[in-house]
Amino acid sequence: MLETYNILYNKIKIGILTYDGIRFYAELTDDTHEYPYALFGFNRSIKKPTDWQIRKWIEGRVAPPTRENIGDILKYWGIPKYDAWELFKKYNGKTVTDNCTVEFIHGLSDSIGGNKTTPRSIDENI
């Protein structure tokens, strides 16, 4: 399942976030507006962050697995076990620390590079 999201800052599209079930990809497409420094670096020094950098950014935008009452949060959202990516999508990427959100564009069953992908939790080590 290929999932694609617009990355918005102050409701202005500034980039694209894609998840192919195994790896995350992000690209800064508008360098004239504010943007999330944690993802694209200061002075827009990172145009295409690595999978690891994107995972850390996502994890920093959601409640950690050690949060008190995390089970209640997961139950509220209908998530059977902790998964930062699933929480991130439920929150639309929102956090109280900045004005960045994500907007779902599309999800397509896809075969990346001719190889079928098996979705993994963001929390699994790759």
PDB file of N, CA and C in Angstrom:
ATOM      1  N   MET A   1       0.849  -1.174   0.000  1.00  0.00           N
ATOM      2  CA  MET A   1       0.000   0.000   0.000  1.00  0.00           C
ATOM      3  C   MET A   1       0.892   1.233   0.000  1.00  0.00           C
ATOM      4  N   LEU A   2       0.854   1.993  -1.027  1.00  0.00           N
ATOM      5  CA  LEU A   2       1.598   3.243  -1.115  1.00  0.00           C
ATOM      6  C   LEU A   2       0.694   4.356  -0.587  1.00  0.00           C
ATOM      7  N   GLU A   3       1.148   5.041   0.450  1.00  0.00           N
ATOM      8  CA  GLU A   3       0.385   6.142   1.031  1.00  0.00           C
ATOM      9  C   GLU A   3       1.138   7.434   0.781  1.00  0.00           C
ATOM     10  N   THR A   4       0.433   8.444   0.314  1.00  0.00           N
ATOM     11  CA  THR A   4       1.062   9.725   0.018  1.00  0.00           C
ATOM     12  C   THR A   4       0.300  10.846   0.712  1.00  0.00           C
ATOM     13  N   TYR A   5       1.069  11.772   1.293  1.00  0.00           N
ATOM     14  CA  TYR A   5       0.511  12.886   2.053  1.00  0.00           C
ATOM     15  C   TYR A   5       1.194  14.186   1.633  1.00  0.00           C
ATOM     16  N   ASN A   6       0.420  15.264   1.595  1.00  0.00           N
ATOM     17  CA  ASN A   6       1.007  16.595   1.485  1.00  0.00           C
ATOM     18  C   ASN A   6       1.491  16.974   2.877  1.00  0.00           C
ATOM     19  N   ILE A   7       2.649  17.593   2.959  1.00  0.00           N
ATOM     20  CA  ILE A   7       3.120  18.172   4.218  1.00  0.00           C
ATOM     21  C   ILE A   7       2.747  19.647   4.145  1.00  0.00           C
ATOM     22  N   LEU A   8       1.959  20.094   5.120  1.00  0.00           N
ATOM     23  CA  LEU A   8       1.487  21.475   5.141  1.00  0.00           C
ATOM     24  C   LEU A   8       2.109  22.223   6.318  1.00  0.00           C
ATOM     25  N   TYR A   9       2.446  23.465   6.091  1.00  0.00           N
ATOM     26  CA  TYR A   9       2.900  24.330   7.180  1.00  0.00           C
ATOM     27  C   TYR A   9       2.090  25.599   7.085  1.00  0.00           C
ATOM     28  N   ASN A  10       1.367  25.927   8.160  1.00  0.00           N
ATOM     29  CA  ASN A  10       0.419  27.047   8.135  1.00  0.00           C
ATOM     30  C   ASN A  10      -0.553  26.910   6.965  1.00  0.00           C
ATOM     31  N   LYS A  11      -0.976  25.671   6.701  1.00  0.00           N
ATOM     32  CA  LYS A  11      -1.949  25.322   5.665  1.00  0.00           C
ATOM     33  C   LYS A  11      -1.430  25.500   4.244  1.00  0.00           C
ATOM     34  N   ILE A  12      -0.125  25.703   4.082  1.00  0.00           N
ATOM     35  CA  ILE A  12       0.486  25.846   2.760  1.00  0.00           C
ATOM     36  C   ILE A  12       1.286  24.575   2.479  1.00  0.00           C
ATOM     37  N   LYS A  13       1.083  23.980   1.313  1.00  0.00           N
ATOM     38  CA  LYS A  13       1.810  22.760   0.958  1.00  0.00           C
ATOM     39  C   LYS A  13       3.283  23.085   0.770  1.00  0.00           C
ATOM     40  N   ILE A  14       4.123  22.379   1.543  1.00  0.00           N
ATOM     41  CA  ILE A  14       5.565  22.621   1.448  1.00  0.00           C
ATOM     42  C   ILE A  14       6.354  21.364   1.096  1.00  0.00           C
ATOM     43  N   GLY A  15       5.661  20.214   1.066  1.00  0.00           N
ATOM     44  CA  GLY A  15       6.374  18.982   0.765  1.00  0.00           C
ATOM     45  C   GLY A  15       5.461  17.789   0.609  1.00  0.00           C
ATOM     46  N   ILE A  16       6.084  16.649   0.369  1.00  0.00           N
ATOM     47  CA  ILE A  16       5.385  15.379   0.168  1.00  0.00           C
ATOM     48  C   ILE A  16       5.982  14.333   1.107  1.00  0.00           C
ATOM     49  N   LEU A  17       5.125  13.530   1.726  1.00  0.00           N
ATOM     50  CA  LEU A  17       5.528  12.404   2.558  1.00  0.00           C
ATOM     51  C   LEU A  17       4.904  11.148   1.964  1.00  0.00           C
ATOM     52  N   THR A  18       5.716  10.112   1.745  1.00  0.00           N
ATOM     53  CA  THR A  18       5.237   8.856   1.174  1.00  0.00           C
ATOM     54  C   THR A  18       5.733   7.696   2.015  1.00  0.00           C
ATOM     55  N   TYR A  19       4.871   6.694   2.170  1.00  0.00           N
ATOM     56  CA  TYR A  19       5.230   5.462   2.874  1.00  0.00           C
ATOM     57  C   TYR A  19       4.827   4.294   1.995  1.00  0.00           C
ATOM     58  N   ASP A  20       5.783   3.407   1.703  1.00  0.00           N
ATOM     59  CA  ASP A  20       5.500   2.282   0.808  1.00  0.00           C
ATOM     60  C   ASP A  20       5.267   0.971   1.558  1.00  0.00           C
ATOM     61  N   GLY A  21       5.097   1.051   2.864  1.00  0.00           N
ATOM     62  CA  GLY A  21       4.898  -0.141   3.665  1.00  0.00           C
ATOM     63  C   GLY A  21       6.174  -0.608   4.326  1.00  0.00           C
ATOM     64  N   ILE A  22       7.305  -0.127   3.848  1.00  0.00           N
ATOM     65  CA  ILE A  22       8.605  -0.485   4.423  1.00  0.00           C
ATOM     66  C   ILE A  22       9.419   0.768   4.750  1.00  0.00           C
ATOM     67  N   ARG A  23       9.512   1.687   3.792  1.00  0.00           N
ATOM     68  CA  ARG A  23      10.340   2.888   3.944  1.00  0.00           C
ATOM     69  C   ARG A  23       9.503   4.149   3.781  1.00  0.00           C
ATOM     70  N   PHE A  24       9.989   5.201   4.450  1.00  0.00           N
ATOM     71  CA  PHE A  24       9.395   6.526   4.320  1.00  0.00           C
ATOM     72  C   PHE A  24      10.255   7.374   3.395  1.00  0.00           C
ATOM     73  N   TYR A  25       9.599   8.246   2.656  1.00  0.00           N
ATOM     74  CA  TYR A  25      10.269   9.191   1.769  1.00  0.00           C
ATOM     75  C   TYR A  25       9.615  10.552   1.991  1.00  0.00           C
ATOM     76  N   ALA A  26      10.400  11.593   1.998  1.00  0.00           N
ATOM     77  CA  ALA A  26       9.868  12.952   2.120  1.00  0.00           C
ATOM     78  C   ALA A  26      10.707  13.864   1.249  1.00  0.00           C
ATOM     79  N   GLU A  27      10.057  14.890   0.759  1.00  0.00           N
ATOM     80  CA  GLU A  27      10.758  15.861  -0.073  1.00  0.00           C
ATOM     81  C   GLU A  27      10.177  17.242   0.175  1.00  0.00           C
ATOM     82  N   LEU A  28      11.055  18.208   0.365  1.00  0.00           N
ATOM     83  CA  LEU A  28      10.658  19.605   0.496  1.00  0.00           C
ATOM     84  C   LEU A  28      10.447  20.151  -0.900  1.00  0.00           C
ATOM     85  N   THR A  29       9.225  20.567  -1.211  1.00  0.00           N
ATOM     86  CA  THR A  29       8.915  21.030  -2.565  1.00  0.00           C
ATOM     87  C   THR A  29       8.746  22.541  -2.668  1.00  0.00           C
ATOM     88  N   ASP A  30       8.640  23.216  -1.533  1.00  0.00           N
ATOM     89  CA  ASP A  30       8.474  24.673  -1.532  1.00  0.00           C
ATOM     90  C   ASP A  30       9.439  25.247  -0.514  1.00  0.00           C
ATOM     91  N   ASP A  31      10.470  25.930  -0.980  1.00  0.00           N
ATOM     92  CA  ASP A  31      11.444  26.471  -0.037  1.00  0.00           C
ATOM     93  C   ASP A  31      11.260  27.959   0.212  1.00  0.00           C
ATOM     94  N   THR A  32      10.030  28.442  -0.003  1.00  0.00           N
ATOM     95  CA  THR A  32       9.769  29.858   0.235  1.00  0.00           C
ATOM     96  C   THR A  32       8.963  30.105   1.508  1.00  0.00           C
ATOM     97  N   HIS A  33       8.461  29.064   2.138  1.00  0.00           N
ATOM     98  CA  HIS A  33       7.632  29.209   3.330  1.00  0.00           C
ATOM     99  C   HIS A  33       8.285  28.522   4.524  1.00  0.00           C
ATOM    100  N   GLU A  34       7.671  28.721   5.706  1.00  0.00           N
ATOM    101  CA  GLU A  34       8.146  28.027   6.898  1.00  0.00           C
ATOM    102  C   GLU A  34       8.018  26.530   6.689  1.00  0.00           C
ATOM    103  N   TYR A  35       8.757  25.766   7.452  1.00  0.00           N
ATOM    104  CA  TYR A  35       8.789  24.319   7.293  1.00  0.00           C
ATOM    105  C   TYR A  35       9.224  23.692   8.618  1.00  0.00           C
ATOM    106  N   PRO A  36       9.018  22.373   8.797  1.00  0.00           N
ATOM    107  CA  PRO A  36       9.454  21.723  10.039  1.00  0.00           C
ATOM    108  C   PRO A  36      10.969  21.497  10.048  1.00  0.00           C
ATOM    109  N   TYR A  37      11.675  22.254  10.891  1.00  0.00           N
ATOM    110  CA  TYR A  37      13.136  22.154  10.965  1.00  0.00           C
ATOM    111  C   TYR A  37      13.593  20.747  11.337  1.00  0.00           C
ATOM    112  N   ALA A  38      12.823  20.082  12.209  1.00  0.00           N
ATOM    113  CA  ALA A  38      13.215  18.753  12.662  1.00  0.00           C
ATOM    114  C   ALA A  38      13.260  17.748  11.516  1.00  0.00           C
ATOM    115  N   LEU A  39      12.528  18.015  10.449  1.00  0.00           N
ATOM    116  CA  LEU A  39      12.512  17.105   9.307  1.00  0.00           C
ATOM    117  C   LEU A  39      13.467  17.541   8.202  1.00  0.00           C
ATOM    118  N   PHE A  40      13.496  18.834   7.911  1.00  0.00           N
ATOM    119  CA  PHE A  40      14.275  19.318   6.773  1.00  0.00           C
ATOM    120  C   PHE A  40      15.523  20.113   7.155  1.00  0.00           C
ATOM    121  N   GLY A  41      15.850  20.169   8.448  1.00  0.00           N
ATOM    122  CA  GLY A  41      17.073  20.827   8.891  1.00  0.00           C
ATOM    123  C   GLY A  41      16.983  22.349   8.855  1.00  0.00           C
ATOM    124  N   PHE A  42      17.900  22.991   9.553  1.00  0.00           N
ATOM    125  CA  PHE A  42      17.958  24.451   9.529  1.00  0.00           C
ATOM    126  C   PHE A  42      18.463  24.915   8.171  1.00  0.00           C
ATOM    127  N   ASN A  43      17.989  26.027   7.721  1.00  0.00           N
ATOM    128  CA  ASN A  43      18.335  26.584   6.408  1.00  0.00           C
ATOM    129  C   ASN A  43      18.016  25.622   5.265  1.00  0.00           C
ATOM    130  N   ARG A  44      16.993  24.765   5.498  1.00  0.00           N
ATOM    131  CA  ARG A  44      16.545  23.804   4.467  1.00  0.00           C
ATOM    132  C   ARG A  44      17.706  22.946   3.968  1.00  0.00           C
ATOM    133  N   SER A  45      18.558  22.558   4.890  1.00  0.00           N
ATOM    134  CA  SER A  45      19.772  21.822   4.522  1.00  0.00           C
ATOM    135  C   SER A  45      19.492  20.374   4.107  1.00  0.00           C
ATOM    136  N   ILE A  46      18.302  19.858   4.420  1.00  0.00           N
ATOM    137  CA  ILE A  46      17.956  18.483   4.052  1.00  0.00           C
ATOM    138  C   ILE A  46      16.741  18.526   3.123  1.00  0.00           C
ATOM    139  N   LYS A  47      16.943  18.342   1.851  1.00  0.00           N
ATOM    140  CA  LYS A  47      15.821  18.353   0.896  1.00  0.00           C
ATOM    141  C   LYS A  47      15.069  17.029   0.887  1.00  0.00           C
ATOM    142  N   LYS A  48      15.815  15.915   1.058  1.00  0.00           N
ATOM    143  CA  LYS A  48      15.217  14.579   1.070  1.00  0.00           C
ATOM    144  C   LYS A  48      15.754  13.812   2.280  1.00  0.00           C
ATOM    145  N   PRO A  49      15.049  13.885   3.426  1.00  0.00           N
ATOM    146  CA  PRO A  49      15.523  13.186   4.621  1.00  0.00           C
ATOM    147  C   PRO A  49      15.510  11.670   4.442  1.00  0.00           C
ATOM    148  N   THR A  50      16.338  10.994   5.224  1.00  0.00           N
ATOM    149  CA  THR A  50      16.413   9.538   5.168  1.00  0.00           C
ATOM    150  C   THR A  50      15.198   8.923   5.876  1.00  0.00           C
ATOM    151  N   ASP A  51      14.995   7.643   5.658  1.00  0.00           N
ATOM    152  CA  ASP A  51      13.930   6.905   6.335  1.00  0.00           C
ATOM    153  C   ASP A  51      14.066   7.063   7.846  1.00  0.00           C
ATOM    154  N   TRP A  52      15.277   6.919   8.375  1.00  0.00           N
ATOM    155  CA  TRP A  52      15.512   7.047   9.811  1.00  0.00           C
ATOM    156  C   TRP A  52      15.127   8.438  10.312  1.00  0.00           C
ATOM    157  N   GLN A  53      15.529   9.493   9.579  1.00  0.00           N
ATOM    158  CA  GLN A  53      15.200  10.862   9.987  1.00  0.00           C
ATOM    159  C   GLN A  53      13.686  11.076  10.002  1.00  0.00           C
ATOM    160  N   ILE A  54      12.983  10.528   9.021  1.00  0.00           N
ATOM    161  CA  ILE A  54      11.523  10.675   8.959  1.00  0.00           C
ATOM    162  C   ILE A  54      10.874   9.927  10.116  1.00  0.00           C
ATOM    163  N   ARG A  55      11.339   8.720  10.401  1.00  0.00           N
ATOM    164  CA  ARG A  55      10.790   7.943  11.518  1.00  0.00           C
ATOM    165  C   ARG A  55      10.967   8.685  12.844  1.00  0.00           C
ATOM    166  N   LYS A  56      12.123   9.264  13.063  1.00  0.00           N
ATOM    167  CA  LYS A  56      12.373  10.022  14.296  1.00  0.00           C
ATOM    168  C   LYS A  56      11.463  11.244  14.371  1.00  0.00           C
ATOM    169  N   TRP A  57      11.240  11.916  13.247  1.00  0.00           N
ATOM    170  CA  TRP A  57      10.337  13.070  13.201  1.00  0.00           C
ATOM    171  C   TRP A  57       8.919  12.632  13.557  1.00  0.00           C
ATOM    172  N   ILE A  58       8.449  11.544  12.967  1.00  0.00           N
ATOM    173  CA  ILE A  58       7.106  11.031  13.247  1.00  0.00           C
ATOM    174  C   ILE A  58       6.987  10.661  14.722  1.00  0.00           C
ATOM    175  N   GLU A  59       7.958   9.916  15.246  1.00  0.00           N
ATOM    176  CA  GLU A  59       7.926   9.502  16.645  1.00  0.00           C
ATOM    177  C   GLU A  59       7.896  10.692  17.593  1.00  0.00           C
ATOM    178  N   GLY A  60       8.550  11.787  17.206  1.00  0.00           N
ATOM    179  CA  GLY A  60       8.560  12.992  18.040  1.00  0.00           C
ATOM    180  C   GLY A  60       7.257  13.767  18.018  1.00  0.00           C
ATOM    181  N   ARG A  61       6.343  13.406  17.125  1.00  0.00           N
ATOM    182  CA  ARG A  61       5.082  14.125  16.981  1.00  0.00           C
ATOM    183  C   ARG A  61       3.899  13.394  17.609  1.00  0.00           C
ATOM    184  N   VAL A  62       4.136  12.229  18.188  1.00  0.00           N
ATOM    185  CA  VAL A  62       3.040  11.459  18.791  1.00  0.00           C
ATOM    186  C   VAL A  62       3.393  11.080  20.225  1.00  0.00           C
ATOM    187  N   ALA A  63       2.388  10.634  20.965  1.00  0.00           N
ATOM    188  CA  ALA A  63       2.603  10.173  22.336  1.00  0.00           C
ATOM    189  C   ALA A  63       3.532   8.963  22.311  1.00  0.00           C
ATOM    190  N   PRO A  64       4.503   8.911  23.220  1.00  0.00           N
ATOM    191  CA  PRO A  64       5.426   7.767  23.249  1.00  0.00           C
ATOM    192  C   PRO A  64       4.739   6.533  23.834  1.00  0.00           C
ATOM    193  N   PRO A  65       5.299   5.361  23.575  1.00  0.00           N
ATOM    194  CA  PRO A  65       4.685   4.135  24.099  1.00  0.00           C
ATOM    195  C   PRO A  65       4.709   4.062  25.623  1.00  0.00           C
ATOM    196  N   THR A  66       5.549   4.867  26.258  1.00  0.00           N
ATOM    197  CA  THR A  66       5.662   4.869  27.721  1.00  0.00           C
ATOM    198  C   THR A  66       4.709   5.868  28.384  1.00  0.00           C
ATOM    199  N   ARG A  67       3.959   6.599  27.585  1.00  0.00           N
ATOM    200  CA  ARG A  67       3.051   7.600  28.159  1.00  0.00           C
ATOM    201  C   ARG A  67       2.007   6.920  29.051  1.00  0.00           C
ATOM    202  N   GLU A  68       1.720   7.577  30.159  1.00  0.00           N
ATOM    203  CA  GLU A  68       0.688   7.068  31.055  1.00  0.00           C
ATOM    204  C   GLU A  68      -0.638   7.000  30.299  1.00  0.00           C
ATOM    205  N   ASN A  69      -1.359   5.943  30.483  1.00  0.00           N
ATOM    206  CA  ASN A  69      -2.666   5.724  29.848  1.00  0.00           C
ATOM    207  C   ASN A  69      -2.590   5.606  28.325  1.00  0.00           C
ATOM    208  N   ILE A  70      -1.446   5.196  27.776  1.00  0.00           N
ATOM    209  CA  ILE A  70      -1.332   5.039  26.324  1.00  0.00           C
ATOM    210  C   ILE A  70      -2.351   4.021  25.810  1.00  0.00           C
ATOM    211  N   GLY A  71      -2.669   3.019  26.631  1.00  0.00           N
ATOM    212  CA  GLY A  71      -3.674   2.033  26.234  1.00  0.00           C
ATOM    213  C   GLY A  71      -5.022   2.664  25.957  1.00  0.00           C
ATOM    214  N   ASP A  72      -5.393   3.668  26.760  1.00  0.00           N
ATOM    215  CA  ASP A  72      -6.661   4.366  26.546  1.00  0.00           C
ATOM    216  C   ASP A  72      -6.635   5.172  25.245  1.00  0.00           C
ATOM    217  N   ILE A  73      -5.482   5.772  24.957  1.00  0.00           N
ATOM    218  CA  ILE A  73      -5.341   6.541  23.716  1.00  0.00           C
ATOM    219  C   ILE A  73      -5.470   5.618  22.513  1.00  0.00           C
ATOM    220  N   LEU A  74      -4.790   4.480  22.558  1.00  0.00           N
ATOM    221  CA  LEU A  74      -4.858   3.521  21.456  1.00  0.00           C
ATOM    222  C   LEU A  74      -6.279   3.003  21.288  1.00  0.00           C
ATOM    223  N   LYS A  75      -6.932   2.706  22.384  1.00  0.00           N
ATOM    224  CA  LYS A  75      -8.319   2.218  22.332  1.00  0.00           C
ATOM    225  C   LYS A  75      -9.230   3.278  21.713  1.00  0.00           C
ATOM    226  N   TYR A  76      -9.067   4.538  22.122  1.00  0.00           N
ATOM    227  CA  TYR A  76      -9.881   5.626  21.577  1.00  0.00           C
ATOM    228  C   TYR A  76      -9.757   5.691  20.052  1.00  0.00           C
ATOM    229  N   TRP A  77      -8.530   5.532  19.549  1.00  0.00           N
ATOM    230  CA  TRP A  77      -8.281   5.635  18.111  1.00  0.00           C
ATOM    231  C   TRP A  77      -8.501   4.321  17.374  1.00  0.00           C
ATOM    232  N   GLY A  78      -8.776   3.233  18.111  1.00  0.00           N
ATOM    233  CA  GLY A  78      -9.007   1.947  17.469  1.00  0.00           C
ATOM    234  C   GLY A  78      -7.734   1.291  16.958  1.00  0.00           C
ATOM    235  N   ILE A  79      -6.617   1.549  17.635  1.00  0.00           N
ATOM    236  CA  ILE A  79      -5.325   0.980  17.257  1.00  0.00           C
ATOM    237  C   ILE A  79      -5.029  -0.163  18.226  1.00  0.00           C
ATOM    238  N   PRO A  80      -4.905  -1.404  17.727  1.00  0.00           N
ATOM    239  CA  PRO A  80      -4.765  -2.557  18.623  1.00  0.00           C
ATOM    240  C   PRO A  80      -3.462  -2.614  19.421  1.00  0.00           C
ATOM    241  N   LYS A  81      -2.345  -2.144  18.856  1.00  0.00           N
ATOM    242  CA  LYS A  81      -1.075  -2.096  19.593  1.00  0.00           C
ATOM    243  C   LYS A  81      -0.335  -0.829  19.169  1.00  0.00           C
ATOM    244  N   TYR A  82       0.601  -0.405  20.010  1.00  0.00           N
ATOM    245  CA  TYR A  82       1.294   0.855  19.750  1.00  0.00           C
ATOM    246  C   TYR A  82       1.978   0.844  18.389  1.00  0.00           C
ATOM    247  N   ASP A  83       1.714   1.889  17.618  1.00  0.00           N
ATOM    248  CA  ASP A  83       2.326   2.084  16.301  1.00  0.00           C
ATOM    249  C   ASP A  83       2.362   3.589  16.057  1.00  0.00           C
ATOM    250  N   ALA A  84       3.552   4.176  16.111  1.00  0.00           N
ATOM    251  CA  ALA A  84       3.696   5.629  15.962  1.00  0.00           C
ATOM    252  C   ALA A  84       3.120   6.128  14.644  1.00  0.00           C
ATOM    253  N   TRP A  85       3.304   5.375  13.556  1.00  0.00           N
ATOM    254  CA  TRP A  85       2.780   5.786  12.256  1.00  0.00           C
ATOM    255  C   TRP A  85       1.259   5.867  12.271  1.00  0.00           C
ATOM    256  N   GLU A  86       0.593   4.875  12.872  1.00  0.00           N
ATOM    257  CA  GLU A  86      -0.869   4.895  12.938  1.00  0.00           C
ATOM    258  C   GLU A  86      -1.356   6.073  13.776  1.00  0.00           C
ATOM    259  N   LEU A  87      -0.682   6.355  14.900  1.00  0.00           N
ATOM    260  CA  LEU A  87      -1.049   7.525  15.705  1.00  0.00           C
ATOM    261  C   LEU A  87      -0.826   8.816  14.923  1.00  0.00           C
ATOM    262  N   PHE A  88       0.308   8.901  14.240  1.00  0.00           N
ATOM    263  CA  PHE A  88       0.629  10.079  13.433  1.00  0.00           C
ATOM    264  C   PHE A  88      -0.484  10.365  12.427  1.00  0.00           C
ATOM    265  N   LYS A  89      -0.960   9.322  11.759  1.00  0.00           N
ATOM    266  CA  LYS A  89      -2.029   9.498  10.769  1.00  0.00           C
ATOM    267  C   LYS A  89      -3.325   9.945  11.444  1.00  0.00           C
ATOM    268  N   LYS A  90      -3.633   9.384  12.606  1.00  0.00           N
ATOM    269  CA  LYS A  90      -4.854   9.780  13.328  1.00  0.00           C
ATOM    270  C   LYS A  90      -4.782  11.244  13.742  1.00  0.00           C
ATOM    271  N   TYR A  91      -3.589  11.715  14.117  1.00  0.00           N
ATOM    272  CA  TYR A  91      -3.387  13.114  14.529  1.00  0.00           C
ATOM    273  C   TYR A  91      -3.215  14.055  13.335  1.00  0.00           C
ATOM    274  N   ASN A  92      -3.193  13.501  12.111  1.00  0.00           N
ATOM    275  CA  ASN A  92      -2.862  14.285  10.910  1.00  0.00           C
ATOM    276  C   ASN A  92      -1.502  14.950  11.058  1.00  0.00           C
ATOM    277  N   GLY A  93      -0.614  14.305  11.797  1.00  0.00           N
ATOM    278  CA  GLY A  93       0.726  14.819  11.989  1.00  0.00           C
ATOM    279  C   GLY A  93       0.803  16.038  12.890  1.00  0.00           C
ATOM    280  N   LYS A  94      -0.291  16.425  13.518  1.00  0.00           N
ATOM    281  CA  LYS A  94      -0.315  17.637  14.343  1.00  0.00           C
ATOM    282  C   LYS A  94       0.394  17.423  15.665  1.00  0.00           C
ATOM    283  N   THR A  95       1.006  18.489  16.129  1.00  0.00           N
ATOM    284  CA  THR A  95       1.587  18.550  17.459  1.00  0.00           C
ATOM    285  C   THR A  95       1.451  19.990  17.941  1.00  0.00           C
ATOM    286  N   VAL A  96       1.604  20.217  19.221  1.00  0.00           N
ATOM    287  CA  VAL A  96       1.440  21.566  19.759  1.00  0.00           C
ATOM    288  C   VAL A  96       2.668  22.443  19.553  1.00  0.00           C
ATOM    289  N   THR A  97       3.768  21.869  19.057  1.00  0.00           N
ATOM    290  CA  THR A  97       5.016  22.618  18.967  1.00  0.00           C
ATOM    291  C   THR A  97       5.205  23.396  17.667  1.00  0.00           C
ATOM    292  N   ASP A  98       4.377  23.142  16.638  1.00  0.00           N
ATOM    293  CA  ASP A  98       4.505  23.895  15.392  1.00  0.00           C
ATOM    294  C   ASP A  98       3.190  23.859  14.614  1.00  0.00           C
ATOM    295  N   ASN A  99       3.178  24.450  13.448  1.00  0.00           N
ATOM    296  CA  ASN A  99       1.972  24.537  12.626  1.00  0.00           C
ATOM    297  C   ASN A  99       2.011  23.583  11.439  1.00  0.00           C
ATOM    298  N   CYS A 100       2.689  22.466  11.601  1.00  0.00           N
ATOM    299  CA  CYS A 100       2.817  21.487  10.531  1.00  0.00           C
ATOM    300  C   CYS A 100       1.748  20.406  10.676  1.00  0.00           C
ATOM    301  N   THR A 101       1.143  20.017   9.564  1.00  0.00           N
ATOM    302  CA  THR A 101       0.188  18.918   9.520  1.00  0.00           C
ATOM    303  C   THR A 101       0.433  18.138   8.232  1.00  0.00           C
ATOM    304  N   VAL A 102      -0.240  17.000   8.108  1.00  0.00           N
ATOM    305  CA  VAL A 102      -0.204  16.270   6.856  1.00  0.00           C
ATOM    306  C   VAL A 102      -1.628  16.088   6.356  1.00  0.00           C
ATOM    307  N   GLU A 103      -1.739  15.997   5.051  1.00  0.00           N
ATOM    308  CA  GLU A 103      -3.039  15.857   4.397  1.00  0.00           C
ATOM    309  C   GLU A 103      -2.963  14.660   3.453  1.00  0.00           C
ATOM    310  N   PHE A 104      -3.810  13.672   3.687  1.00  0.00           N
ATOM    311  CA  PHE A 104      -3.814  12.464   2.878  1.00  0.00           C
ATOM    312  C   PHE A 104      -4.137  12.795   1.426  1.00  0.00           C
ATOM    313  N   ILE A 105      -3.323  12.294   0.496  1.00  0.00           N
ATOM    314  CA  ILE A 105      -3.577  12.476  -0.935  1.00  0.00           C
ATOM    315  C   ILE A 105      -4.188  11.207  -1.497  1.00  0.00           C
ATOM    316  N   HIS A 106      -3.468  10.091  -1.361  1.00  0.00           N
ATOM    317  CA  HIS A 106      -4.002   8.824  -1.856  1.00  0.00           C
ATOM    318  C   HIS A 106      -3.222   7.647  -1.319  1.00  0.00           C
ATOM    319  N   GLY A 107      -3.855   6.502  -1.391  1.00  0.00           N
ATOM    320  CA  GLY A 107      -3.219   5.238  -1.038  1.00  0.00           C
ATOM    321  C   GLY A 107      -3.561   4.247  -2.122  1.00  0.00           C
ATOM    322  N   LEU A 108      -2.561   3.650  -2.687  1.00  0.00           N
ATOM    323  CA  LEU A 108      -2.772   2.718  -3.785  1.00  0.00           C
ATOM    324  C   LEU A 108      -2.083   1.409  -3.481  1.00  0.00           C
ATOM    325  N   SER A 109      -2.744   0.311  -3.804  1.00  0.00           N
ATOM    326  CA  SER A 109      -2.041  -0.961  -3.758  1.00  0.00           C
ATOM    327  C   SER A 109      -0.991  -0.875  -4.840  1.00  0.00           C
ATOM    328  N   ASP A 110       0.220  -1.175  -4.486  1.00  0.00           N
ATOM    329  CA  ASP A 110       1.300  -0.947  -5.440  1.00  0.00           C
ATOM    330  C   ASP A 110       2.386  -1.977  -5.233  1.00  0.00           C
ATOM    331  N   SER A 111       3.178  -2.127  -6.228  1.00  0.00           N
ATOM    332  CA  SER A 111       4.346  -2.976  -6.142  1.00  0.00           C
ATOM    333  C   SER A 111       5.524  -2.063  -6.441  1.00  0.00           C
ATOM    334  N   ILE A 112       6.318  -1.790  -5.443  1.00  0.00           N
ATOM    335  CA  ILE A 112       7.422  -0.848  -5.561  1.00  0.00           C
ATOM    336  C   ILE A 112       8.590  -1.539  -6.249  1.00  0.00           C
ATOM    337  N   GLY A 113       9.007  -1.010  -7.367  1.00  0.00           N
ATOM    338  CA  GLY A 113      10.136  -1.580  -8.092  1.00  0.00           C
ATOM    339  C   GLY A 113       9.914  -3.026  -8.489  1.00  0.00           C
ATOM    340  N   GLY A 114       8.643  -3.408  -8.652  1.00  0.00           N
ATOM    341  CA  GLY A 114       8.338  -4.768  -9.051  1.00  0.00           C
ATOM    342  C   GLY A 114       8.317  -5.753  -7.891  1.00  0.00           C
ATOM    343  N   ASN A 115       8.616  -5.288  -6.672  1.00  0.00           N
ATOM    344  CA  ASN A 115       8.625  -6.170  -5.511  1.00  0.00           C
ATOM    345  C   ASN A 115       7.408  -5.878  -4.645  1.00  0.00           C
ATOM    346  N   LYS A 116       6.673  -6.897  -4.280  1.00  0.00           N
ATOM    347  CA  LYS A 116       5.545  -6.708  -3.365  1.00  0.00           C
ATOM    348  C   LYS A 116       6.096  -6.328  -1.999  1.00  0.00           C
ATOM    349  N   THR A 117       5.474  -5.355  -1.364  1.00  0.00           N
ATOM    350  CA  THR A 117       5.939  -4.914  -0.056  1.00  0.00           C
ATOM    351  C   THR A 117       5.028  -5.478   1.020  1.00  0.00           C
ATOM    352  N   THR A 118       5.594  -5.737   2.168  1.00  0.00           N
ATOM    353  CA  THR A 118       4.841  -6.179   3.322  1.00  0.00           C
ATOM    354  C   THR A 118       4.868  -5.054   4.332  1.00  0.00           C
ATOM    355  N   PRO A 119       3.702  -4.462   4.635  1.00  0.00           N
ATOM    356  CA  PRO A 119       3.691  -3.349   5.583  1.00  0.00           C
ATOM    357  C   PRO A 119       4.262  -3.765   6.929  1.00  0.00           C
ATOM    358  N   ARG A 120       5.016  -2.858   7.527  1.00  0.00           N
ATOM    359  CA  ARG A 120       5.597  -3.070   8.844  1.00  0.00           C
ATOM    360  C   ARG A 120       5.213  -1.907   9.734  1.00  0.00           C
ATOM    361  N   SER A 121       5.195  -2.162  11.021  1.00  0.00           N
ATOM    362  CA  SER A 121       4.991  -1.107  11.981  1.00  0.00           C
ATOM    363  C   SER A 121       6.200  -0.175  11.941  1.00  0.00           C
ATOM    364  N   ILE A 122       5.988   1.096  12.168  1.00  0.00           N
ATOM    365  CA  ILE A 122       7.098   2.051  12.210  1.00  0.00           C
ATOM    366  C   ILE A 122       8.055   1.687  13.338  1.00  0.00           C
ATOM    367  N   ASP A 123       7.553   0.973  14.344  1.00  0.00           N
ATOM    368  CA  ASP A 123       8.353   0.671  15.508  1.00  0.00           C
ATOM    369  C   ASP A 123       9.215  -0.559  15.354  1.00  0.00           C
ATOM    370  N   GLU A 124       9.043  -1.308  14.258  1.00  0.00           N
ATOM    371  CA  GLU A 124       9.885  -2.473  14.021  1.00  0.00           C
ATOM    372  C   GLU A 124      11.254  -2.019  13.557  1.00  0.00           C
ATOM    373  N   ASN A 125      12.276  -2.669  14.005  1.00  0.00           N
ATOM    374  CA  ASN A 125      13.621  -2.361  13.521  1.00  0.00           C
ATOM    375  C   ASN A 125      13.790  -2.900  12.130  1.00  0.00           C
ATOM    376  N   ILE A 126      14.340  -2.098  11.263  1.00  0.00           N
ATOM    377  CA  ILE A 126      14.573  -2.510   9.867  1.00  0.00           C
ATOM    378  C   ILE A 126      16.049  -2.657   9.662  1.00  0.00           C
TER     379      ILE A 126
END
